[in-house]
Amino acid sequence: MKIAFVGKGGSGKTTLSSLFIRHLAAARIPVIAVDADINQHLGAALGLDETEAAALPAMGAHLPLIKDYLRGSNPRIPSSGSMIKTTPPGEGSRLLRVDQDNPVYDACARTVELDDTTVRLMATGPFTESDLGVACYHSKVGAVELCLNHLVDGREEYVVVDMTAGSDSFASGMFTRFDMTFLVAEPTRKGVAVYRQYSEYARDFGVPLKVVGNKVQGPEDLAFLRDEVGDDLLVTVGHSDWVRAMEKGRPARFARLEEANRIALRTLHDTADAAYGHRDWERYTRQMVHFHLKNAESWGNAKTGVDLAAQVDPSFVLFEGTATPQPA
C-alpha cells in the first residue's frame, strides 16, 4: 500500500507520518519510509540524531543507478539517459518490491531502529544553496516518482511518503501514485485552504483523500473542521506528551503513546487497508502514461532528444502479480 501525508507547512504532517510508520512497524508490517519534503525532518521524527539524518543518502544523487536498474532489458528504453521521472515500466523493466533487497535500496535506503523492530528510510535529499537558480525541488522528487512507477506492493506492506508542503505536490503526477492520501489540517483558515486545493485535484483524478485534524484542542476546533471539511474528516489528534518528549530527543517506547492517539492511528491503518479493495491497476497505469506523455511533450522530448512516447508499452499493465526480471 502506498500512503502519502500532505498538508500545510507546520501542520504536523511529518509528525503524523512518523507516528503512522511507527504504528505499522510495531505491527510487524514491512515499511519503507520516504522523506520527499523540501525540509528533511522525517529522519529526526523517527529518532535519528542530526548527524545520522544528515548522512542519509540523497535519492537524487543516485538517479543514474536507479534508472539503469529499473530499465532492465526493456527494449523500448535503449539507454537510461533517455528515462525521465515519469517513464513507465514495460516488458523487461525491473520492478521494486517493498520487502526485498536490490541495488536501489542498497544505495538509497538506510535501516532505522524503532524499539525492537526496523524500517527502511529513503530521502530525496535537501534543497541546497547550490540548487538555487539552477534547479527546482520537483527535480529532486523525480527519483521518488520513478520508483513509485516501478513499485508493485501488496496489502500487508507499506510505502509511506512524507510529501512536500502545501499544494506543491501537484506539480507532478506523483500525487496519483497513492492508495490513500492523508491531509493533515489544523483547525484554522490556512489549514483548510490547502484541503480545498487538494480536494479539487484529488476529485479530478479519483485520488482517495481523508483529512486528519491536528492540534485540535476542544469542541470548537472540532466543529470548525467538520464545517469546513465535512465527511472527508476522518479523525482528529490532540496534544501528545509522547510526541513532545520525542521532539526533545527523549522518546519513550512507542507502546506508551497515549491511547487516544493510538486509536487514531488504528483508524488511519484501517482506512488505508480498506482502500486495497478499490485498487484499479489499469487506471493506475493509464494515469502513469498520461503524465508521462504530458511531460514528454512539454519538456522531456526536448531535454532527452528522443520521442519519449515510444517508451510506452501499450500492452503492459502494472499489477501485483507482474514478474520482474532478475539482475544478471
C-alpha atoms as a PDB file:
ATOM      1  CA  MET A   1       0.000   0.000   0.000  1.00  0.00           C
ATOM      2  CA  LYS A   2       1.278   3.437  -0.930  1.00  0.00           C
ATOM      3  CA  ILE A   3       0.330   6.195   1.525  1.00  0.00           C
ATOM      4  CA  ALA A   4       1.015   9.941   1.310  1.00  0.00           C
ATOM      5  CA  PHE A   5       0.927  12.508   4.105  1.00  0.00           C
ATOM      6  CA  VAL A   6       0.364  16.068   2.883  1.00  0.00           C
ATOM      7  CA  GLY A   7      -0.620  19.407   4.369  1.00  0.00           C
ATOM      8  CA  LYS A   8       0.384  22.977   5.070  1.00  0.00           C
ATOM      9  CA  GLY A   9       3.873  23.590   6.366  1.00  0.00           C
ATOM     10  CA  GLY A  10       3.807  23.312  10.146  1.00  0.00           C
ATOM     11  CA  SER A  11       0.561  21.329  10.184  1.00  0.00           C
ATOM     12  CA  GLY A  12       2.260  18.316  11.730  1.00  0.00           C
ATOM     13  CA  LYS A  13       2.289  16.044   8.679  1.00  0.00           C
ATOM     14  CA  THR A  14       5.843  14.833   9.331  1.00  0.00           C
ATOM     15  CA  THR A  15       4.982  14.032  12.933  1.00  0.00           C
ATOM     16  CA  LEU A  16       1.813  12.195  11.883  1.00  0.00           C
ATOM     17  CA  SER A  17       3.585  10.282   9.132  1.00  0.00           C
ATOM     18  CA  SER A  18       6.316   9.223  11.582  1.00  0.00           C
ATOM     19  CA  LEU A  19       3.704   8.038  14.088  1.00  0.00           C
ATOM     20  CA  PHE A  20       1.931   6.042  11.382  1.00  0.00           C
ATOM     21  CA  ILE A  21       5.242   4.478  10.350  1.00  0.00           C
ATOM     22  CA  ARG A  22       5.922   3.523  13.974  1.00  0.00           C
ATOM     23  CA  HIS A  23       2.421   2.069  14.269  1.00  0.00           C
ATOM     24  CA  LEU A  24       2.923  -0.133  11.201  1.00  0.00           C
ATOM     25  CA  ALA A  25       6.377  -1.217  12.302  1.00  0.00           C
ATOM     26  CA  ALA A  26       5.057  -2.144  15.760  1.00  0.00           C
ATOM     27  CA  ALA A  27       2.536  -4.405  13.996  1.00  0.00           C
ATOM     28  CA  ARG A  28       5.463  -6.112  12.193  1.00  0.00           C
ATOM     29  CA  ILE A  29       4.338  -4.808   8.809  1.00  0.00           C
ATOM     30  CA  PRO A  30       7.156  -4.178   6.296  1.00  0.00           C
ATOM     31  CA  VAL A  31       7.541  -0.405   5.789  1.00  0.00           C
ATOM     32  CA  ILE A  32       9.583   1.842   3.558  1.00  0.00           C
ATOM     33  CA  ALA A  33       9.512   5.442   4.766  1.00  0.00           C
ATOM     34  CA  VAL A  34      10.272   8.174   2.232  1.00  0.00           C
ATOM     35  CA  ASP A  35      11.083  11.777   3.081  1.00  0.00           C
ATOM     36  CA  ALA A  36      10.031  13.744  -0.013  1.00  0.00           C
ATOM     37  CA  ASP A  37       9.621  17.108   1.712  1.00  0.00           C
ATOM     38  CA  ILE A  38      11.817  20.065   0.851  1.00  0.00           C
ATOM     39  CA  ASN A  39      12.557  20.288   4.592  1.00  0.00           C
ATOM     40  CA  GLN A  40      14.015  16.921   5.527  1.00  0.00           C
ATOM     41  CA  HIS A  41      12.684  16.162   9.020  1.00  0.00           C
ATOM     42  CA  LEU A  42      11.319  12.614   8.798  1.00  0.00           C
ATOM     43  CA  GLY A  43      14.597  11.042   9.894  1.00  0.00           C
ATOM     44  CA  ALA A  44      14.641  13.125  13.056  1.00  0.00           C
ATOM     45  CA  ALA A  45      10.982  12.307  13.699  1.00  0.00           C
ATOM     46  CA  LEU A  46      11.941   8.623  13.521  1.00  0.00           C
ATOM     47  CA  GLY A  47      14.649   9.122  16.123  1.00  0.00           C
ATOM     48  CA  LEU A  48      17.809   9.842  14.145  1.00  0.00           C
ATOM     49  CA  ASP A  49      20.158  12.449  15.560  1.00  0.00           C
ATOM     50  CA  GLU A  50      21.352  15.368  13.419  1.00  0.00           C
ATOM     51  CA  THR A  51      24.483  13.580  12.243  1.00  0.00           C
ATOM     52  CA  GLU A  52      22.604  10.411  11.288  1.00  0.00           C
ATOM     53  CA  ALA A  53      19.870  12.350   9.488  1.00  0.00           C
ATOM     54  CA  ALA A  54      22.420  14.424   7.563  1.00  0.00           C
ATOM     55  CA  ALA A  55      24.191  11.237   6.475  1.00  0.00           C
ATOM     56  CA  LEU A  56      21.137   9.799   4.741  1.00  0.00           C
ATOM     57  CA  PRO A  57      21.926   9.241   1.041  1.00  0.00           C
ATOM     58  CA  ALA A  58      20.039  11.514  -1.354  1.00  0.00           C
ATOM     59  CA  MET A  59      17.955   9.589  -3.866  1.00  0.00           C
ATOM     60  CA  GLY A  60      18.538  12.308  -6.464  1.00  0.00           C
ATOM     61  CA  ALA A  61      22.277  11.718  -6.260  1.00  0.00           C
ATOM     62  CA  HIS A  62      21.718   8.081  -7.223  1.00  0.00           C
ATOM     63  CA  LEU A  63      19.302   8.758 -10.067  1.00  0.00           C
ATOM     64  CA  PRO A  64      21.603   7.235 -12.767  1.00  0.00           C
ATOM     65  CA  LEU A  65      21.801   3.990 -10.763  1.00  0.00           C
ATOM     66  CA  ILE A  66      18.029   3.978 -10.195  1.00  0.00           C
ATOM     67  CA  LYS A  67      17.331   4.479 -13.899  1.00  0.00           C
ATOM     68  CA  ASP A  68      19.814   1.859 -15.016  1.00  0.00           C
ATOM     69  CA  TYR A  69      18.397  -0.740 -12.623  1.00  0.00           C
ATOM     70  CA  LEU A  70      14.738  -0.073 -13.418  1.00  0.00           C
ATOM     71  CA  ARG A  71      15.337  -0.006 -17.180  1.00  0.00           C
ATOM     72  CA  GLY A  72      16.374  -3.641 -17.093  1.00  0.00           C
ATOM     73  CA  SER A  73      16.072  -5.135 -20.555  1.00  0.00           C
ATOM     74  CA  ASN A  74      13.101  -3.040 -21.646  1.00  0.00           C
ATOM     75  CA  PRO A  75      13.607  -2.768 -25.440  1.00  0.00           C
ATOM     76  CA  ARG A  76      11.632   0.483 -25.585  1.00  0.00           C
ATOM     77  CA  ILE A  77      14.286   2.228 -23.476  1.00  0.00           C
ATOM     78  CA  PRO A  78      17.651   1.868 -25.234  1.00  0.00           C
ATOM     79  CA  SER A  79      19.527   3.867 -22.582  1.00  0.00           C
ATOM     80  CA  SER A  80      18.953   5.024 -19.017  1.00  0.00           C
ATOM     81  CA  GLY A  81      19.830   8.537 -20.157  1.00  0.00           C
ATOM     82  CA  SER A  82      16.547   8.727 -22.030  1.00  0.00           C
ATOM     83  CA  MET A  83      14.491   7.981 -18.892  1.00  0.00           C
ATOM     84  CA  ILE A  84      12.693  10.796 -17.066  1.00  0.00           C
ATOM     85  CA  LYS A  85      10.832  10.834 -13.768  1.00  0.00           C
ATOM     86  CA  THR A  86       7.574   9.666 -15.350  1.00  0.00           C
ATOM     87  CA  THR A  87       8.973   6.856 -17.531  1.00  0.00           C
ATOM     88  CA  PRO A  88       6.559   3.943 -17.115  1.00  0.00           C
ATOM     89  CA  PRO A  89       7.614   0.309 -16.830  1.00  0.00           C
ATOM     90  CA  GLY A  90       7.106  -2.130 -19.669  1.00  0.00           C
ATOM     91  CA  GLU A  91       8.068  -5.650 -20.677  1.00  0.00           C
ATOM     92  CA  GLY A  92      11.619  -6.238 -19.465  1.00  0.00           C
ATOM     93  CA  SER A  93      11.646  -3.482 -16.833  1.00  0.00           C
ATOM     94  CA  ARG A  94      12.838  -4.334 -13.357  1.00  0.00           C
ATOM     95  CA  LEU A  95      10.274  -3.659 -10.653  1.00  0.00           C
ATOM     96  CA  LEU A  96      10.648  -2.834  -6.986  1.00  0.00           C
ATOM     97  CA  ARG A  97       9.003  -4.684  -4.148  1.00  0.00           C
ATOM     98  CA  VAL A  98       8.768  -3.459  -0.593  1.00  0.00           C
ATOM     99  CA  ASP A  99      10.301  -6.403   1.237  1.00  0.00           C
ATOM    100  CA  GLN A 100      13.287  -7.248  -0.962  1.00  0.00           C
ATOM    101  CA  ASP A 101      16.942  -6.458  -1.410  1.00  0.00           C
ATOM    102  CA  ASN A 102      18.054  -4.692  -4.575  1.00  0.00           C
ATOM    103  CA  PRO A 103      20.698  -2.177  -5.711  1.00  0.00           C
ATOM    104  CA  VAL A 104      18.278   0.759  -5.365  1.00  0.00           C
ATOM    105  CA  TYR A 105      17.647   0.074  -1.687  1.00  0.00           C
ATOM    106  CA  ASP A 106      21.328  -0.718  -1.124  1.00  0.00           C
ATOM    107  CA  ALA A 107      22.270   2.742  -2.424  1.00  0.00           C
ATOM    108  CA  CYS A 108      19.363   4.854  -1.185  1.00  0.00           C
ATOM    109  CA  ALA A 109      17.824   3.238   1.898  1.00  0.00           C
ATOM    110  CA  ARG A 110      19.087   3.070   5.448  1.00  0.00           C
ATOM    111  CA  THR A 111      17.756   0.922   8.267  1.00  0.00           C
ATOM    112  CA  VAL A 112      16.249   2.793  11.207  1.00  0.00           C
ATOM    113  CA  GLU A 113      15.687   1.015  14.514  1.00  0.00           C
ATOM    114  CA  LEU A 114      12.344   1.626  16.214  1.00  0.00           C
ATOM    115  CA  ASP A 115      12.159  -0.045  19.632  1.00  0.00           C
ATOM    116  CA  ASP A 116      12.550  -3.740  18.777  1.00  0.00           C
ATOM    117  CA  THR A 117      11.886  -3.512  15.039  1.00  0.00           C
ATOM    118  CA  THR A 118      13.202  -1.652  11.983  1.00  0.00           C
ATOM    119  CA  VAL A 119      12.065   0.246   8.895  1.00  0.00           C
ATOM    120  CA  ARG A 120      13.839   1.330   5.745  1.00  0.00           C
ATOM    121  CA  LEU A 121      14.165   5.082   5.299  1.00  0.00           C
ATOM    122  CA  MET A 122      14.809   6.842   1.995  1.00  0.00           C
ATOM    123  CA  ALA A 123      15.155  10.588   1.400  1.00  0.00           C
ATOM    124  CA  THR A 124      15.171  12.806  -1.656  1.00  0.00           C
ATOM    125  CA  GLY A 125      17.879  14.979  -0.146  1.00  0.00           C
ATOM    126  CA  PRO A 126      17.593  18.614   0.918  1.00  0.00           C
ATOM    127  CA  PHE A 127      17.322  21.610  -1.380  1.00  0.00           C
ATOM    128  CA  THR A 128      20.776  23.127  -1.072  1.00  0.00           C
ATOM    129  CA  GLU A 129      22.291  26.515  -1.819  1.00  0.00           C
ATOM    130  CA  SER A 130      23.928  25.062  -4.951  1.00  0.00           C
ATOM    131  CA  ASP A 131      20.456  24.309  -6.342  1.00  0.00           C
ATOM    132  CA  LEU A 132      19.333  27.932  -6.232  1.00  0.00           C
ATOM    133  CA  GLY A 133      18.750  29.323  -9.701  1.00  0.00           C
ATOM    134  CA  VAL A 134      19.575  26.057 -11.486  1.00  0.00           C
ATOM    135  CA  ALA A 135      17.059  23.503 -10.225  1.00  0.00           C
ATOM    136  CA  CYS A 136      13.603  23.261  -8.759  1.00  0.00           C
ATOM    137  CA  TYR A 137      12.765  20.947  -5.893  1.00  0.00           C
ATOM    138  CA  HIS A 138      10.455  18.872  -8.067  1.00  0.00           C
ATOM    139  CA  SER A 139      13.503  17.609  -9.963  1.00  0.00           C
ATOM    140  CA  LYS A 140      14.706  16.054  -6.706  1.00  0.00           C
ATOM    141  CA  VAL A 141      11.484  14.164  -6.026  1.00  0.00           C
ATOM    142  CA  GLY A 142      11.643  12.753  -9.552  1.00  0.00           C
ATOM    143  CA  ALA A 143      13.597   9.793  -8.172  1.00  0.00           C
ATOM    144  CA  VAL A 144      10.702   9.024  -5.821  1.00  0.00           C
ATOM    145  CA  GLU A 145       8.152   9.231  -8.638  1.00  0.00           C
ATOM    146  CA  LEU A 146      10.212   6.930 -10.852  1.00  0.00           C
ATOM    147  CA  CYS A 147      10.486   4.369  -8.064  1.00  0.00           C
ATOM    148  CA  LEU A 148       6.747   4.520  -7.324  1.00  0.00           C
ATOM    149  CA  ASN A 149       6.030   3.968 -11.022  1.00  0.00           C
ATOM    150  CA  HIS A 150       8.027   0.741 -10.843  1.00  0.00           C
ATOM    151  CA  LEU A 151       6.715  -0.467  -7.484  1.00  0.00           C
ATOM    152  CA  VAL A 152       4.463  -3.489  -7.031  1.00  0.00           C
ATOM    153  CA  ASP A 153       3.160  -3.705  -3.495  1.00  0.00           C
ATOM    154  CA  GLY A 154       0.635  -5.806  -1.679  1.00  0.00           C
ATOM    155  CA  ARG A 155      -1.819  -5.371   1.148  1.00  0.00           C
ATOM    156  CA  GLU A 156       0.408  -6.112   4.130  1.00  0.00           C
ATOM    157  CA  GLU A 157       3.348  -3.958   3.062  1.00  0.00           C
ATOM    158  CA  TYR A 158       3.569  -0.177   3.028  1.00  0.00           C
ATOM    159  CA  VAL A 159       5.423   2.718   1.464  1.00  0.00           C
ATOM    160  CA  VAL A 160       4.718   5.891   3.470  1.00  0.00           C
ATOM    161  CA  VAL A 161       5.752   9.182   1.864  1.00  0.00           C
ATOM    162  CA  ASP A 162       6.043  12.480   3.704  1.00  0.00           C
ATOM    163  CA  MET A 163       5.277  14.844   0.811  1.00  0.00           C
ATOM    164  CA  THR A 164       6.364  18.435   0.290  1.00  0.00           C
ATOM    165  CA  ALA A 165       4.184  21.038   1.997  1.00  0.00           C
ATOM    166  CA  GLY A 166       1.214  22.865   0.524  1.00  0.00           C
ATOM    167  CA  SER A 167      -0.107  22.281  -2.976  1.00  0.00           C
ATOM    168  CA  ASP A 168       3.384  21.849  -4.471  1.00  0.00           C
ATOM    169  CA  SER A 169       2.774  18.096  -4.512  1.00  0.00           C
ATOM    170  CA  PHE A 170       0.578  18.647  -7.563  1.00  0.00           C
ATOM    171  CA  ALA A 171       3.468  19.981  -9.642  1.00  0.00           C
ATOM    172  CA  SER A 172       3.927  16.422 -10.949  1.00  0.00           C
ATOM    173  CA  GLY A 173       1.820  13.319 -11.372  1.00  0.00           C
ATOM    174  CA  MET A 174       3.175  11.782  -8.186  1.00  0.00           C
ATOM    175  CA  PHE A 175       0.015  12.667  -6.282  1.00  0.00           C
ATOM    176  CA  THR A 176      -1.825   9.954  -8.278  1.00  0.00           C
ATOM    177  CA  ARG A 177       0.581   7.229  -7.132  1.00  0.00           C
ATOM    178  CA  PHE A 178      -1.053   6.586  -3.754  1.00  0.00           C
ATOM    179  CA  ASP A 179      -3.760   4.261  -2.496  1.00  0.00           C
ATOM    180  CA  MET A 180      -4.639   6.802   0.179  1.00  0.00           C
ATOM    181  CA  THR A 181      -3.651  10.391   0.882  1.00  0.00           C
ATOM    182  CA  PHE A 182      -3.951  11.719   4.419  1.00  0.00           C
ATOM    183  CA  LEU A 183      -4.131  15.502   4.549  1.00  0.00           C
ATOM    184  CA  VAL A 184      -3.120  16.871   7.935  1.00  0.00           C
ATOM    185  CA  ALA A 185      -5.034  20.075   8.708  1.00  0.00           C
ATOM    186  CA  GLU A 186      -5.063  22.406  11.662  1.00  0.00           C
ATOM    187  CA  PRO A 187      -8.406  23.975  12.672  1.00  0.00           C
ATOM    188  CA  THR A 188      -7.545  27.295  11.017  1.00  0.00           C
ATOM    189  CA  ARG A 189      -8.432  29.018   7.752  1.00  0.00           C
ATOM    190  CA  LYS A 190      -4.934  28.426   6.410  1.00  0.00           C
ATOM    191  CA  GLY A 191      -5.105  24.810   7.482  1.00  0.00           C
ATOM    192  CA  VAL A 192      -8.251  24.081   5.498  1.00  0.00           C
ATOM    193  CA  ALA A 193      -7.195  26.199   2.497  1.00  0.00           C
ATOM    194  CA  VAL A 194      -4.720  23.508   1.448  1.00  0.00           C
ATOM    195  CA  TYR A 195      -7.501  20.947   1.813  1.00  0.00           C
ATOM    196  CA  ARG A 196      -9.671  22.830  -0.674  1.00  0.00           C
ATOM    197  CA  GLN A 197      -6.864  22.827  -3.245  1.00  0.00           C
ATOM    198  CA  TYR A 198      -6.120  19.165  -2.705  1.00  0.00           C
ATOM    199  CA  SER A 199      -9.704  18.019  -2.759  1.00  0.00           C
ATOM    200  CA  GLU A 200     -10.296  19.565  -6.185  1.00  0.00           C
ATOM    201  CA  TYR A 201      -7.253  17.879  -7.720  1.00  0.00           C
ATOM    202  CA  ALA A 202      -7.982  14.610  -5.952  1.00  0.00           C
ATOM    203  CA  ARG A 203     -11.563  14.562  -7.216  1.00  0.00           C
ATOM    204  CA  ASP A 204     -10.462  15.123 -10.825  1.00  0.00           C
ATOM    205  CA  PHE A 205      -8.116  12.132 -10.741  1.00  0.00           C
ATOM    206  CA  GLY A 206     -10.012   9.803  -8.426  1.00  0.00           C
ATOM    207  CA  VAL A 207      -7.405  10.075  -5.670  1.00  0.00           C
ATOM    208  CA  PRO A 208      -8.706   8.866  -2.265  1.00  0.00           C
ATOM    209  CA  LEU A 209      -8.306  11.652   0.296  1.00  0.00           C
ATOM    210  CA  LYS A 210      -9.046  11.830   4.017  1.00  0.00           C
ATOM    211  CA  VAL A 211      -8.357  14.634   6.469  1.00  0.00           C
ATOM    212  CA  VAL A 212      -6.592  14.195   9.790  1.00  0.00           C
ATOM    213  CA  GLY A 213      -7.349  17.103  12.112  1.00  0.00           C
ATOM    214  CA  ASN A 214      -4.266  18.002  14.135  1.00  0.00           C
ATOM    215  CA  LYS A 215      -3.753  20.273  17.150  1.00  0.00           C
ATOM    216  CA  VAL A 216      -7.452  20.012  17.958  1.00  0.00           C
ATOM    217  CA  GLN A 217      -7.975  21.389  21.454  1.00  0.00           C
ATOM    218  CA  GLY A 218     -11.702  21.236  22.027  1.00  0.00           C
ATOM    219  CA  PRO A 219     -15.263  21.079  20.661  1.00  0.00           C
ATOM    220  CA  GLU A 220     -14.972  24.407  18.844  1.00  0.00           C
ATOM    221  CA  ASP A 221     -11.926  23.225  16.874  1.00  0.00           C
ATOM    222  CA  LEU A 222     -13.698  20.001  16.006  1.00  0.00           C
ATOM    223  CA  ALA A 223     -16.846  21.813  14.889  1.00  0.00           C
ATOM    224  CA  PHE A 224     -14.774  24.152  12.711  1.00  0.00           C
ATOM    225  CA  LEU A 225     -13.120  21.248  10.901  1.00  0.00           C
ATOM    226  CA  ARG A 226     -16.422  19.455  10.426  1.00  0.00           C
ATOM    227  CA  ASP A 227     -17.973  22.588   8.934  1.00  0.00           C
ATOM    228  CA  GLU A 228     -15.030  23.155   6.560  1.00  0.00           C
ATOM    229  CA  VAL A 229     -14.129  19.584   5.625  1.00  0.00           C
ATOM    230  CA  GLY A 230     -17.358  17.635   6.006  1.00  0.00           C
ATOM    231  CA  ASP A 231     -17.280  13.877   5.501  1.00  0.00           C
ATOM    232  CA  ASP A 232     -13.616  13.953   4.491  1.00  0.00           C
ATOM    233  CA  LEU A 233     -12.674  14.466   8.148  1.00  0.00           C
ATOM    234  CA  LEU A 234     -11.533  11.035   9.289  1.00  0.00           C
ATOM    235  CA  VAL A 235     -10.097  11.541  12.754  1.00  0.00           C
ATOM    236  CA  THR A 236      -8.541  14.207  14.975  1.00  0.00           C
ATOM    237  CA  VAL A 237      -5.360  14.253  17.049  1.00  0.00           C
ATOM    238  CA  GLY A 238      -4.732  16.412  20.098  1.00  0.00           C
ATOM    239  CA  HIS A 239      -1.800  17.204  22.365  1.00  0.00           C
ATOM    240  CA  SER A 240       0.700  14.413  22.982  1.00  0.00           C
ATOM    241  CA  ASP A 241       3.242  14.329  25.804  1.00  0.00           C
ATOM    242  CA  TRP A 242       4.867  11.377  23.997  1.00  0.00           C
ATOM    243  CA  VAL A 243       5.392  13.488  20.857  1.00  0.00           C
ATOM    244  CA  ARG A 244       6.733  16.388  22.914  1.00  0.00           C
ATOM    245  CA  ALA A 245       9.306  14.066  24.511  1.00  0.00           C
ATOM    246  CA  MET A 246      10.198  12.677  21.089  1.00  0.00           C
ATOM    247  CA  GLU A 247      10.765  16.182  19.739  1.00  0.00           C
ATOM    248  CA  LYS A 248      13.165  16.779  22.625  1.00  0.00           C
ATOM    249  CA  GLY A 249      15.094  13.667  21.629  1.00  0.00           C
ATOM    250  CA  ARG A 250      13.862  11.630  24.585  1.00  0.00           C
ATOM    251  CA  PRO A 251      11.091   9.387  23.223  1.00  0.00           C
ATOM    252  CA  ALA A 252       9.570   6.671  25.360  1.00  0.00           C
ATOM    253  CA  ARG A 253       8.783   3.297  23.847  1.00  0.00           C
ATOM    254  CA  PHE A 254       6.029   3.619  21.273  1.00  0.00           C
ATOM    255  CA  ALA A 255       3.729   1.388  23.331  1.00  0.00           C
ATOM    256  CA  ARG A 256       3.424   4.298  25.775  1.00  0.00           C
ATOM    257  CA  LEU A 257       1.827   6.639  23.225  1.00  0.00           C
ATOM    258  CA  GLU A 258      -1.477   7.939  24.562  1.00  0.00           C
ATOM    259  CA  GLU A 259      -4.390   5.571  23.964  1.00  0.00           C
ATOM    260  CA  ALA A 260      -6.472   8.212  22.155  1.00  0.00           C
ATOM    261  CA  ASN A 261      -3.691   8.757  19.657  1.00  0.00           C
ATOM    262  CA  ARG A 262      -3.118   5.017  19.279  1.00  0.00           C
ATOM    263  CA  ILE A 263      -6.809   4.684  18.392  1.00  0.00           C
ATOM    264  CA  ALA A 264      -6.423   7.463  15.819  1.00  0.00           C
ATOM    265  CA  LEU A 265      -3.505   5.614  14.213  1.00  0.00           C
ATOM    266  CA  ARG A 266      -5.521   2.407  14.082  1.00  0.00           C
ATOM    267  CA  THR A 267      -8.232   4.355  12.264  1.00  0.00           C
ATOM    268  CA  LEU A 268      -5.675   5.511   9.696  1.00  0.00           C
ATOM    269  CA  HIS A 269      -4.467   1.937   9.291  1.00  0.00           C
ATOM    270  CA  ASP A 270      -7.983   0.548   8.874  1.00  0.00           C
ATOM    271  CA  THR A 271      -8.800   3.249   6.318  1.00  0.00           C
ATOM    272  CA  ALA A 272      -5.648   2.573   4.331  1.00  0.00           C
ATOM    273  CA  ASP A 273      -6.276  -1.158   4.437  1.00  0.00           C
ATOM    274  CA  ALA A 274      -9.861  -0.701   3.202  1.00  0.00           C
ATOM    275  CA  ALA A 275      -8.518   1.183   0.167  1.00  0.00           C
ATOM    276  CA  TYR A 276      -6.923  -2.052  -1.008  1.00  0.00           C
ATOM    277  CA  GLY A 277     -10.286  -3.319  -2.178  1.00  0.00           C
ATOM    278  CA  HIS A 278     -10.627  -0.338  -4.518  1.00  0.00           C
ATOM    279  CA  ARG A 279      -7.317  -0.730  -6.312  1.00  0.00           C
ATOM    280  CA  ASP A 280      -7.569  -0.309 -10.065  1.00  0.00           C
ATOM    281  CA  TRP A 281      -4.227  -1.198 -11.624  1.00  0.00           C
ATOM    282  CA  GLU A 282      -5.445  -0.397 -15.134  1.00  0.00           C
ATOM    283  CA  ARG A 283      -6.400   3.148 -14.138  1.00  0.00           C
ATOM    284  CA  TYR A 284      -3.152   3.460 -12.198  1.00  0.00           C
ATOM    285  CA  THR A 285      -1.195   2.520 -15.318  1.00  0.00           C
ATOM    286  CA  ARG A 286      -3.268   4.859 -17.527  1.00  0.00           C
ATOM    287  CA  GLN A 287      -2.571   7.785 -15.211  1.00  0.00           C
ATOM    288  CA  MET A 288       1.117   6.931 -15.228  1.00  0.00           C
ATOM    289  CA  VAL A 289       1.144   7.015 -19.024  1.00  0.00           C
ATOM    290  CA  HIS A 290      -0.955  10.210 -19.099  1.00  0.00           C
ATOM    291  CA  PHE A 291       1.573  12.184 -17.067  1.00  0.00           C
ATOM    292  CA  HIS A 292       4.492  10.671 -18.946  1.00  0.00           C
ATOM    293  CA  LEU A 293       3.115  11.799 -22.297  1.00  0.00           C
ATOM    294  CA  LYS A 294       2.325  15.205 -20.833  1.00  0.00           C
ATOM    295  CA  ASN A 295       5.883  15.613 -19.563  1.00  0.00           C
ATOM    296  CA  ALA A 296       7.341  14.263 -22.786  1.00  0.00           C
ATOM    297  CA  GLU A 297       5.542  16.874 -24.846  1.00  0.00           C
ATOM    298  CA  SER A 298       6.163  19.815 -22.519  1.00  0.00           C
ATOM    299  CA  TRP A 299       9.882  19.294 -21.807  1.00  0.00           C
ATOM    300  CA  GLY A 300      11.036  15.661 -21.877  1.00  0.00           C
ATOM    301  CA  ASN A 301      11.480  15.215 -25.621  1.00  0.00           C
ATOM    302  CA  ALA A 302      13.499  18.408 -25.882  1.00  0.00           C
ATOM    303  CA  LYS A 303      15.680  17.504 -22.916  1.00  0.00           C
ATOM    304  CA  THR A 304      16.482  13.932 -23.980  1.00  0.00           C
ATOM    305  CA  GLY A 305      16.421  14.413 -27.746  1.00  0.00           C
ATOM    306  CA  VAL A 306      14.200  11.362 -28.270  1.00  0.00           C
ATOM    307  CA  ASP A 307      10.483  10.695 -28.659  1.00  0.00           C
ATOM    308  CA  LEU A 308       9.564   9.578 -25.151  1.00  0.00           C
ATOM    309  CA  ALA A 309       6.103   8.465 -26.250  1.00  0.00           C
ATOM    310  CA  ALA A 310       7.867   5.428 -27.722  1.00  0.00           C
ATOM    311  CA  GLN A 311       8.686   4.297 -24.171  1.00  0.00           C
ATOM    312  CA  VAL A 312       5.037   3.443 -23.535  1.00  0.00           C
ATOM    313  CA  ASP A 313       4.289  -0.277 -23.795  1.00  0.00           C
ATOM    314  CA  PRO A 314       0.586  -0.323 -24.777  1.00  0.00           C
ATOM    315  CA  SER A 315       0.090  -3.940 -23.684  1.00  0.00           C
ATOM    316  CA  PHE A 316       1.671  -3.552 -20.245  1.00  0.00           C
ATOM    317  CA  VAL A 317      -0.406  -3.153 -17.074  1.00  0.00           C
ATOM    318  CA  LEU A 318       1.340  -2.949 -13.726  1.00  0.00           C
ATOM    319  CA  PHE A 319      -0.226  -5.164 -11.059  1.00  0.00           C
ATOM    320  CA  GLU A 320       0.768  -7.194  -8.014  1.00  0.00           C
ATOM    321  CA  GLY A 321       1.491 -10.358  -9.950  1.00  0.00           C
ATOM    322  CA  THR A 322       3.752  -8.696 -12.506  1.00  0.00           C
ATOM    323  CA  ALA A 323       7.015 -10.597 -12.758  1.00  0.00           C
ATOM    324  CA  THR A 324      10.265  -8.687 -12.751  1.00  0.00           C
ATOM    325  CA  PRO A 325      13.465  -9.850 -14.447  1.00  0.00           C
ATOM    326  CA  GLN A 326      16.307 -10.541 -12.059  1.00  0.00           C
ATOM    327  CA  PRO A 327      19.674  -8.821 -12.386  1.00  0.00           C
ATOM    328  CA  ALA A 328      22.201 -10.741 -14.377  1.00  0.00           C
END
